[in-house]
């Protein structure tokens, strides 16, 4: 039986909460992120997603393992145009689409032929999605802190200022001025690791690119 846990967890972050022109001269991850949100108005690329589970619990509440375990992995493509327009498409191992047109967010489950529609509203504000797809006012919703260099990647950490988000922190890594990875740490101790590749910055975007067309015969649920 297939599980959408990891994908829906990331989708929930988009719903409930949310590449660069730089060089080694910008050693700070924070500086590179600020350039990213100010200069990259649209982008497309590929992603892989790996779920890392927190240690399990046994009946007495003690941890049943001493180290986190790797969970489901998936991959696909993404495209965005600021603010609030994006297509986040899971292709493997199962197909699922999250698409926003700046006003509504559509979640399409191909196997169920079902579309869930929600108002995008201010939901991107303090969510991880805001970093990639939102406006330029990150410091309004997050506290930014440089997190050093690991494996040749410059990292920074963002902590949501809101107290009711699903995520405790979001890590973002850049290398040679390019977006490399994100680490989403939720309130349960789980981590979602996203790695990016084949990113094209500011590609031409047609006016109707993010318009969602409901597939024929699909059930539509207003969330």
Protein backbone atom coordinates (compact mmCIF):
# COMPACT_ATOMS: atom_id res chain seq x y z
CA UNK A 1 0.00 0.00 0.00
CA UNK A 2 1.48 3.32 -1.03
CA UNK A 3 2.05 6.11 1.44
CA UNK A 4 1.95 9.81 0.77
CA UNK A 5 3.10 10.79 4.26
CA UNK A 6 6.28 12.61 3.26
CA UNK A 7 4.76 14.41 0.31
CA UNK A 8 1.63 15.44 2.14
CA UNK A 9 3.72 16.69 5.04
CA UNK A 10 5.51 19.06 2.68
CA UNK A 11 2.20 19.90 1.01
CA UNK A 12 0.73 20.70 4.41
CA UNK A 13 3.58 23.11 5.00
CA UNK A 14 2.66 24.92 1.81
CA UNK A 15 -0.94 25.07 2.90
CA UNK A 16 -0.70 25.76 6.59
CA UNK A 17 2.07 28.02 7.42
CA UNK A 18 5.13 28.81 2.53
CA UNK A 19 20.17 30.31 -7.87
CA UNK A 20 21.54 33.31 -7.39
CA UNK A 21 23.87 35.89 -8.90
CA UNK A 22 26.66 35.56 -6.37
CA UNK A 23 30.17 34.21 -6.01
CA UNK A 24 32.57 33.25 -3.28
CA UNK A 25 32.71 36.96 -2.48
CA UNK A 26 29.39 36.30 -0.76
CA UNK A 27 30.59 33.83 1.84
CA UNK A 28 27.55 34.35 4.03
CA UNK A 29 24.56 32.13 3.44
CA UNK A 30 22.33 34.97 4.59
CA UNK A 31 23.75 37.33 1.96
CA UNK A 32 23.22 34.73 -0.74
CA UNK A 33 19.62 34.14 0.32
CA UNK A 34 18.89 37.86 0.21
CA UNK A 35 20.27 38.01 -3.33
CA UNK A 36 18.18 34.99 -4.23
CA UNK A 37 14.90 36.53 -3.15
CA UNK A 38 15.72 39.92 -4.70
CA UNK A 39 17.18 38.79 -8.04
CA UNK A 40 15.56 35.45 -8.87
CA UNK A 41 11.98 36.29 -9.72
CA UNK A 42 11.26 32.96 -11.39
CA UNK A 43 13.01 29.61 -11.72
CA UNK A 44 12.56 26.00 -12.72
CA UNK A 45 14.50 22.85 -11.90
CA UNK A 46 14.52 19.35 -10.44
CA UNK A 47 14.33 18.23 -6.83
CA UNK A 48 14.73 15.12 -4.73
CA UNK A 49 13.10 14.78 -1.32
CA UNK A 50 14.25 12.50 1.52
CA UNK A 51 12.33 12.03 4.75
CA UNK A 52 14.39 11.44 7.90
CA UNK A 53 12.28 10.08 10.76
CA UNK A 54 12.83 11.01 14.38
CA UNK A 55 13.70 8.10 16.74
CA UNK A 56 10.65 5.98 17.46
CA UNK A 57 8.98 5.61 20.86
CA UNK A 58 8.23 2.47 22.87
CA UNK A 59 5.42 2.06 25.41
CA UNK A 60 7.34 3.57 28.31
CA UNK A 61 8.04 6.68 26.25
CA UNK A 62 11.73 5.90 25.82
CA UNK A 63 13.34 6.14 22.42
CA UNK A 64 13.41 2.79 20.62
CA UNK A 65 16.37 3.80 18.46
CA UNK A 66 19.37 5.98 19.06
CA UNK A 67 19.58 7.53 15.61
CA UNK A 68 17.03 8.86 13.14
CA UNK A 69 15.99 6.56 10.29
CA UNK A 70 15.58 7.36 6.63
CA UNK A 71 12.03 7.33 5.39
CA UNK A 72 10.37 7.71 2.01
CA UNK A 73 12.12 9.43 -0.88
CA UNK A 74 10.60 11.08 -3.92
CA UNK A 75 11.59 13.30 -6.82
CA UNK A 76 10.13 15.61 -9.40
CA UNK A 77 10.24 19.08 -10.93
CA UNK A 78 9.36 22.58 -9.79
CA UNK A 79 8.74 26.00 -11.26
CA UNK A 80 7.84 29.29 -9.60
CA UNK A 81 7.21 32.96 -10.24
CA UNK A 82 7.05 35.39 -7.34
CA UNK A 83 4.90 36.03 -5.50
CA UNK A 84 2.78 32.95 -4.82
CA UNK A 85 2.81 31.19 -8.18
CA UNK A 86 4.35 27.75 -8.43
CA UNK A 87 4.12 24.21 -9.76
CA UNK A 88 5.60 21.53 -7.50
CA UNK A 89 5.25 18.18 -9.27
CA UNK A 90 6.08 14.83 -7.67
CA UNK A 91 6.86 12.28 -10.39
CA UNK A 92 8.48 9.34 -8.56
CA UNK A 93 7.51 7.02 -6.97
CA UNK A 94 3.96 8.40 -7.24
CA UNK A 95 2.41 11.31 -9.06
CA UNK A 96 1.07 14.30 -7.15
CA UNK A 97 0.84 17.97 -8.10
CA UNK A 98 0.76 21.11 -5.99
CA UNK A 99 0.01 24.21 -8.03
CA UNK A 100 -0.71 27.80 -7.04
CA UNK A 101 -1.86 30.66 -9.24
CA UNK A 102 -1.29 33.43 -6.69
CA UNK A 103 -4.84 33.13 -5.35
CA UNK A 104 -5.70 29.43 -5.00
CA UNK A 105 -3.66 26.34 -4.18
CA UNK A 106 -4.58 23.12 -5.99
CA UNK A 107 -3.44 19.69 -4.84
CA UNK A 108 -4.06 17.02 -7.48
CA UNK A 109 -3.81 13.33 -6.67
CA UNK A 110 -3.61 11.58 -10.03
CA UNK A 111 -4.34 8.07 -8.76
CA UNK A 112 -7.48 9.22 -6.95
CA UNK A 113 -8.32 11.71 -9.72
CA UNK A 114 -9.06 14.21 -6.97
CA UNK A 115 -8.33 17.93 -6.67
CA UNK A 116 -8.31 19.77 -3.33
CA UNK A 117 -8.65 23.56 -3.61
CA UNK A 118 -7.70 26.01 -0.87
CA UNK A 119 -7.26 29.76 -0.64
CA UNK A 120 -3.59 30.64 -0.80
CA UNK A 121 -4.18 33.82 1.18
CA UNK A 122 -1.39 34.55 3.63
CA UNK A 123 -0.58 30.89 4.13
CA UNK A 124 2.85 31.26 2.56
CA UNK A 125 3.89 33.84 5.13
CA UNK A 126 5.82 31.80 7.71
CA UNK A 127 6.07 28.53 5.77
CA UNK A 128 9.10 27.06 4.00
CA UNK A 129 7.29 27.72 0.73
CA UNK A 130 7.61 31.47 1.31
CA UNK A 131 11.37 31.24 0.94
CA UNK A 132 11.16 29.94 -2.61
CA UNK A 133 7.82 31.25 -3.79
CA UNK A 134 6.91 34.25 -1.66
CA UNK A 135 7.76 37.94 -1.63
CA UNK A 136 10.97 39.62 -0.52
CA UNK A 137 10.03 40.27 3.13
CA UNK A 138 11.57 37.13 4.66
CA UNK A 139 12.80 38.96 7.75
CA UNK A 140 9.21 39.88 8.56
CA UNK A 141 8.38 36.22 9.12
CA UNK A 142 11.73 34.60 9.92
CA UNK A 143 14.80 35.18 12.05
CA UNK A 144 17.89 34.55 9.88
CA UNK A 145 21.18 33.18 11.20
CA UNK A 146 24.30 32.03 9.38
CA UNK A 147 25.01 28.35 10.10
CA UNK A 148 28.52 27.95 8.69
CA UNK A 149 29.96 25.80 5.91
CA UNK A 150 29.34 22.05 5.68
CA UNK A 151 30.66 19.97 2.79
CA UNK A 152 31.51 23.07 0.80
CA UNK A 153 27.96 24.43 1.14
CA UNK A 154 27.17 27.73 2.89
CA UNK A 155 24.22 27.20 5.23
CA UNK A 156 21.86 29.53 7.03
CA UNK A 157 19.06 28.81 9.45
CA UNK A 158 15.63 30.45 9.44
CA UNK A 159 13.38 30.31 12.50
CA UNK A 160 9.69 31.23 12.04
CA UNK A 161 8.65 34.16 14.20
CA UNK A 162 5.10 32.81 14.41
CA UNK A 163 4.52 30.28 17.20
CA UNK A 164 1.90 28.15 15.44
CA UNK A 165 3.88 26.84 12.47
CA UNK A 166 4.62 23.17 11.79
CA UNK A 167 8.34 23.84 11.51
CA UNK A 168 10.90 24.74 14.15
CA UNK A 169 13.67 25.70 11.73
CA UNK A 170 14.46 25.72 8.02
CA UNK A 171 18.02 25.31 6.79
CA UNK A 172 19.09 26.51 3.34
CA UNK A 173 22.36 25.73 1.60
CA UNK A 174 24.10 27.56 -1.25
CA UNK A 175 27.23 26.68 -3.20
CA UNK A 176 28.96 28.99 -5.66
CA UNK A 177 25.93 31.25 -5.59
CA UNK A 178 23.48 28.46 -6.42
CA UNK A 179 20.65 27.02 -4.34
CA UNK A 180 21.69 23.50 -3.34
CA UNK A 181 19.45 22.20 -0.56
CA UNK A 182 16.85 22.83 2.14
CA UNK A 183 16.37 21.07 5.48
CA UNK A 184 12.91 21.35 7.02
CA UNK A 185 12.86 20.50 10.75
CA UNK A 186 9.33 19.96 12.05
CA UNK A 187 8.07 20.19 15.61
CA UNK A 188 8.14 16.38 15.97
CA UNK A 189 11.86 16.08 15.30
CA UNK A 190 11.51 14.85 11.73
CA UNK A 191 13.58 16.31 8.90
CA UNK A 192 12.71 16.71 5.22
CA UNK A 193 15.81 17.13 3.06
CA UNK A 194 15.35 18.71 -0.37
CA UNK A 195 18.19 18.84 -2.88
CA UNK A 196 17.99 20.85 -6.10
CA UNK A 197 19.56 20.46 -9.53
CA UNK A 198 19.33 21.76 -13.11
CA UNK A 199 18.05 25.13 -11.93
CA UNK A 200 17.28 27.73 -14.60
CA UNK A 201 17.01 31.26 -13.23
CA UNK A 202 14.49 33.78 -14.54
CA UNK A 203 13.33 31.74 -17.56
CA UNK A 204 10.62 33.17 -19.84
CA UNK A 205 7.22 32.53 -18.23
CA UNK A 206 3.96 32.62 -20.19
CA UNK A 207 1.02 34.43 -18.65
CA UNK A 208 -1.09 31.27 -18.29
CA UNK A 209 1.69 28.98 -17.06
CA UNK A 210 0.28 28.68 -13.53
CA UNK A 211 -3.40 28.52 -14.46
CA UNK A 212 -4.74 25.19 -13.17
CA UNK A 213 -7.06 23.19 -15.40
CA UNK A 214 -9.09 20.57 -13.55
CA UNK A 215 -8.49 17.15 -15.19
CA UNK A 216 -11.48 15.60 -16.89
CA UNK A 217 -13.72 13.71 -14.47
CA UNK A 218 -11.74 14.70 -11.38
CA UNK A 219 -13.56 15.19 -8.07
CA UNK A 220 -13.06 18.72 -6.71
CA UNK A 221 -12.99 19.29 -2.95
CA UNK A 222 -12.90 22.79 -1.49
CA UNK A 223 -10.69 22.64 1.59
